[in-house]
């Protein structure tokens, strides 16, 4: 899912943009973190690792399909 450290960093940066007292800044940072986490969680975002793993699975499946298509072509040619 999402990297919590990234969300904390992004929340802290966004909160730093507001010239407020330290206590208010901390509250804003927490609220921004919660807002970002909730919003990004709804986007079906995946990590690079998850994407790379799915890409490898897709490449393997594509190769298997290609090999099966070749075998099918060979079998069809033998039939004729």
N, C-alpha and C. Protein backbone atom coordinates (compact mmCIF):
# COMPACT_ATOMS: atom_id res chain seq x y z
N UNK A 1 0.84 -1.18 0.00
CA UNK A 1 0.00 0.00 0.00
C UNK A 1 0.89 1.24 0.00
N UNK A 2 0.51 2.24 0.71
CA UNK A 2 1.23 3.51 0.70
C UNK A 2 2.31 3.54 1.77
N UNK A 3 3.37 4.25 1.48
CA UNK A 3 4.49 4.39 2.41
C UNK A 3 4.14 5.46 3.45
N UNK A 4 4.02 5.04 4.71
CA UNK A 4 3.63 5.97 5.77
C UNK A 4 4.66 7.08 5.96
N UNK A 5 5.93 6.78 5.77
CA UNK A 5 6.97 7.81 5.93
C UNK A 5 6.79 8.90 4.87
N UNK A 6 6.43 8.49 3.65
CA UNK A 6 6.17 9.47 2.59
C UNK A 6 5.00 10.37 2.98
N UNK A 7 3.93 9.77 3.51
CA UNK A 7 2.76 10.57 3.89
C UNK A 7 3.10 11.52 5.03
N UNK A 8 3.87 11.05 6.00
CA UNK A 8 4.27 11.93 7.12
C UNK A 8 5.11 13.09 6.61
N UNK A 9 6.04 12.80 5.71
CA UNK A 9 6.90 13.85 5.16
C UNK A 9 6.07 14.87 4.38
N UNK A 10 5.16 14.37 3.57
CA UNK A 10 4.32 15.26 2.78
C UNK A 10 3.42 16.10 3.69
N UNK A 11 2.88 15.47 4.73
CA UNK A 11 2.04 16.21 5.68
C UNK A 11 2.84 17.29 6.39
N UNK A 12 4.06 16.95 6.80
CA UNK A 12 4.90 17.92 7.50
C UNK A 12 5.24 19.10 6.60
N UNK A 13 5.55 18.82 5.34
CA UNK A 13 5.86 19.91 4.41
C UNK A 13 4.66 20.81 4.18
N UNK A 14 3.49 20.19 4.01
CA UNK A 14 2.28 20.98 3.79
C UNK A 14 1.96 21.82 5.03
N UNK A 15 2.12 21.22 6.22
CA UNK A 15 1.83 21.94 7.46
C UNK A 15 2.81 23.09 7.66
N UNK A 16 4.06 22.93 7.21
CA UNK A 16 5.07 23.98 7.36
C UNK A 16 4.73 25.23 6.55
N UNK A 17 3.87 25.07 5.56
CA UNK A 17 3.48 26.21 4.73
C UNK A 17 2.58 27.19 5.49
N UNK A 18 1.97 26.72 6.56
CA UNK A 18 1.05 27.55 7.33
C UNK A 18 1.79 28.23 8.47
N UNK A 19 1.78 29.56 8.51
CA UNK A 19 2.45 30.28 9.60
C UNK A 19 1.57 30.27 10.85
N UNK A 20 1.65 29.19 11.61
CA UNK A 20 0.81 29.06 12.81
C UNK A 20 1.68 28.70 13.99
N UNK A 21 1.10 28.74 15.16
CA UNK A 21 1.81 28.35 16.37
C UNK A 21 2.14 26.86 16.29
N UNK A 22 3.14 26.43 17.06
CA UNK A 22 3.61 25.05 16.99
C UNK A 22 2.50 24.04 17.30
N UNK A 23 1.66 24.31 18.28
CA UNK A 23 0.57 23.39 18.62
C UNK A 23 -0.42 23.28 17.46
N UNK A 24 -0.76 24.42 16.90
CA UNK A 24 -1.68 24.42 15.77
C UNK A 24 -1.03 23.73 14.57
N UNK A 25 0.25 23.95 14.39
CA UNK A 25 0.97 23.32 13.28
C UNK A 25 0.93 21.80 13.42
N UNK A 26 1.13 21.31 14.64
CA UNK A 26 1.09 19.87 14.87
C UNK A 26 -0.29 19.31 14.53
N UNK A 27 -1.33 20.02 14.93
CA UNK A 27 -2.70 19.57 14.65
C UNK A 27 -2.96 19.59 13.14
N UNK A 28 -2.52 20.63 12.47
CA UNK A 28 -2.69 20.71 11.01
C UNK A 28 -1.95 19.55 10.34
N UNK A 29 -0.74 19.27 10.82
CA UNK A 29 0.05 18.18 10.26
C UNK A 29 -0.69 16.84 10.41
N UNK A 30 -1.26 16.60 11.57
CA UNK A 30 -2.02 15.37 11.79
C UNK A 30 -3.24 15.30 10.88
N UNK A 31 -3.94 16.42 10.75
CA UNK A 31 -5.13 16.44 9.90
C UNK A 31 -4.78 16.26 8.43
N UNK A 32 -3.68 16.88 8.00
CA UNK A 32 -3.23 16.71 6.62
C UNK A 32 -2.84 15.25 6.36
N UNK A 33 -2.17 14.63 7.31
CA UNK A 33 -1.77 13.23 7.18
C UNK A 33 -3.01 12.35 7.03
N UNK A 34 -3.99 12.55 7.89
CA UNK A 34 -5.22 11.76 7.82
C UNK A 34 -5.94 11.98 6.50
N UNK A 35 -6.00 13.23 6.07
CA UNK A 35 -6.66 13.55 4.81
C UNK A 35 -5.94 12.89 3.63
N UNK A 36 -4.62 13.01 3.59
CA UNK A 36 -3.85 12.40 2.51
C UNK A 36 -3.97 10.89 2.51
N UNK A 37 -3.88 10.29 3.68
CA UNK A 37 -3.97 8.84 3.78
C UNK A 37 -5.34 8.35 3.30
N UNK A 38 -6.39 9.02 3.71
CA UNK A 38 -7.73 8.63 3.29
C UNK A 38 -7.95 8.82 1.80
N UNK A 39 -7.50 9.95 1.28
CA UNK A 39 -7.70 10.25 -0.14
C UNK A 39 -6.86 9.32 -1.02
N UNK A 40 -5.58 9.18 -0.70
CA UNK A 40 -4.72 8.33 -1.52
C UNK A 40 -5.10 6.86 -1.40
N UNK A 41 -5.65 6.47 -0.27
CA UNK A 41 -6.08 5.09 -0.08
C UNK A 41 -7.22 4.70 -1.02
N UNK A 42 -8.00 5.67 -1.43
CA UNK A 42 -9.13 5.42 -2.33
C UNK A 42 -8.70 5.33 -3.80
N UNK A 43 -7.47 5.68 -4.10
CA UNK A 43 -7.03 5.76 -5.49
C UNK A 43 -6.49 4.45 -6.06
N UNK A 44 -6.48 3.37 -5.28
CA UNK A 44 -5.91 2.10 -5.72
C UNK A 44 -4.46 2.26 -6.16
N UNK A 45 -3.71 3.03 -5.41
CA UNK A 45 -2.30 3.25 -5.69
C UNK A 45 -1.51 2.05 -5.19
N UNK A 46 -0.53 1.61 -5.97
CA UNK A 46 0.31 0.49 -5.56
C UNK A 46 1.75 0.96 -5.46
N UNK A 47 2.54 0.23 -4.70
CA UNK A 47 3.96 0.57 -4.58
C UNK A 47 4.69 0.14 -5.83
N UNK A 48 5.90 0.65 -5.99
CA UNK A 48 6.74 0.25 -7.13
C UNK A 48 7.01 -1.25 -7.10
N UNK A 49 7.20 -1.78 -5.89
CA UNK A 49 7.49 -3.21 -5.74
C UNK A 49 6.30 -4.05 -6.21
N UNK A 50 5.10 -3.64 -5.81
CA UNK A 50 3.90 -4.36 -6.24
C UNK A 50 3.72 -4.27 -7.75
N UNK A 51 3.98 -3.09 -8.30
CA UNK A 51 3.87 -2.91 -9.74
C UNK A 51 4.88 -3.78 -10.47
N UNK A 52 6.12 -3.80 -9.99
CA UNK A 52 7.17 -4.60 -10.63
C UNK A 52 6.83 -6.09 -10.56
N UNK A 53 6.29 -6.53 -9.43
CA UNK A 53 5.91 -7.94 -9.30
C UNK A 53 4.81 -8.29 -10.29
N UNK A 54 3.82 -7.44 -10.41
CA UNK A 54 2.73 -7.70 -11.36
C UNK A 54 3.22 -7.64 -12.80
N UNK A 55 4.18 -6.79 -13.06
CA UNK A 55 4.75 -6.70 -14.40
C UNK A 55 5.48 -7.99 -14.75
N UNK A 56 6.22 -8.56 -13.78
CA UNK A 56 6.90 -9.84 -14.02
C UNK A 56 5.91 -10.96 -14.29
N UNK A 57 4.81 -10.98 -13.54
CA UNK A 57 3.78 -12.00 -13.74
C UNK A 57 3.18 -11.85 -15.14
N UNK A 58 2.92 -10.63 -15.55
CA UNK A 58 2.35 -10.38 -16.87
C UNK A 58 3.32 -10.81 -17.97
N UNK A 59 4.60 -10.50 -17.81
CA UNK A 59 5.60 -10.90 -18.80
C UNK A 59 5.67 -12.42 -18.92
N UNK A 60 5.63 -13.12 -17.79
CA UNK A 60 5.66 -14.58 -17.79
C UNK A 60 4.43 -15.14 -18.49
N UNK A 61 3.26 -14.57 -18.18
CA UNK A 61 2.02 -15.03 -18.81
C UNK A 61 2.06 -14.78 -20.32
N UNK A 62 2.58 -13.63 -20.73
CA UNK A 62 2.68 -13.31 -22.15
C UNK A 62 3.58 -14.31 -22.87
N UNK A 63 4.69 -14.66 -22.24
CA UNK A 63 5.61 -15.65 -22.82
C UNK A 63 4.92 -17.00 -22.94
N UNK A 64 4.21 -17.42 -21.91
CA UNK A 64 3.51 -18.70 -21.94
C UNK A 64 2.45 -18.72 -23.04
N UNK A 65 1.74 -17.63 -23.20
CA UNK A 65 0.72 -17.54 -24.26
C UNK A 65 1.38 -17.65 -25.62
N UNK A 66 2.51 -16.98 -25.79
CA UNK A 66 3.23 -17.03 -27.05
C UNK A 66 3.67 -18.45 -27.38
N UNK A 67 4.21 -19.16 -26.37
CA UNK A 67 4.64 -20.54 -26.58
C UNK A 67 3.45 -21.45 -26.92
N UNK A 68 2.35 -21.26 -26.24
CA UNK A 68 1.16 -22.06 -26.53
C UNK A 68 0.61 -21.78 -27.93
N UNK A 69 0.68 -20.53 -28.36
CA UNK A 69 0.24 -20.19 -29.71
C UNK A 69 1.12 -20.88 -30.74
N UNK A 70 2.44 -20.93 -30.47
CA UNK A 70 3.34 -21.62 -31.39
C UNK A 70 3.03 -23.11 -31.46
N UNK A 71 2.79 -23.73 -30.31
CA UNK A 71 2.45 -25.15 -30.28
C UNK A 71 1.15 -25.42 -31.02
N UNK A 72 0.17 -24.55 -30.83
CA UNK A 72 -1.12 -24.69 -31.51
C UNK A 72 -0.94 -24.60 -33.02
N UNK A 73 -0.13 -23.66 -33.46
CA UNK A 73 0.14 -23.51 -34.89
C UNK A 73 0.80 -24.78 -35.43
N UNK A 74 1.78 -25.33 -34.69
CA UNK A 74 2.45 -26.56 -35.12
C UNK A 74 1.46 -27.72 -35.22
N UNK A 75 0.59 -27.84 -34.23
CA UNK A 75 -0.41 -28.92 -34.23
C UNK A 75 -1.40 -28.76 -35.40
N UNK A 76 -1.79 -27.53 -35.67
CA UNK A 76 -2.71 -27.30 -36.79
C UNK A 76 -2.04 -27.64 -38.12
N UNK A 77 -0.74 -27.35 -38.23
CA UNK A 77 -0.04 -27.66 -39.49
C UNK A 77 0.13 -29.17 -39.65
N UNK A 78 0.33 -29.91 -38.59
CA UNK A 78 0.44 -31.37 -38.66
C UNK A 78 -0.88 -31.99 -39.09
N UNK A 79 -1.97 -31.39 -38.66
CA UNK A 79 -3.29 -31.91 -38.97
C UNK A 79 -3.56 -31.87 -40.47
N UNK A 80 -3.06 -30.87 -41.15
CA UNK A 80 -3.30 -30.70 -42.58
C UNK A 80 -2.34 -31.51 -43.31
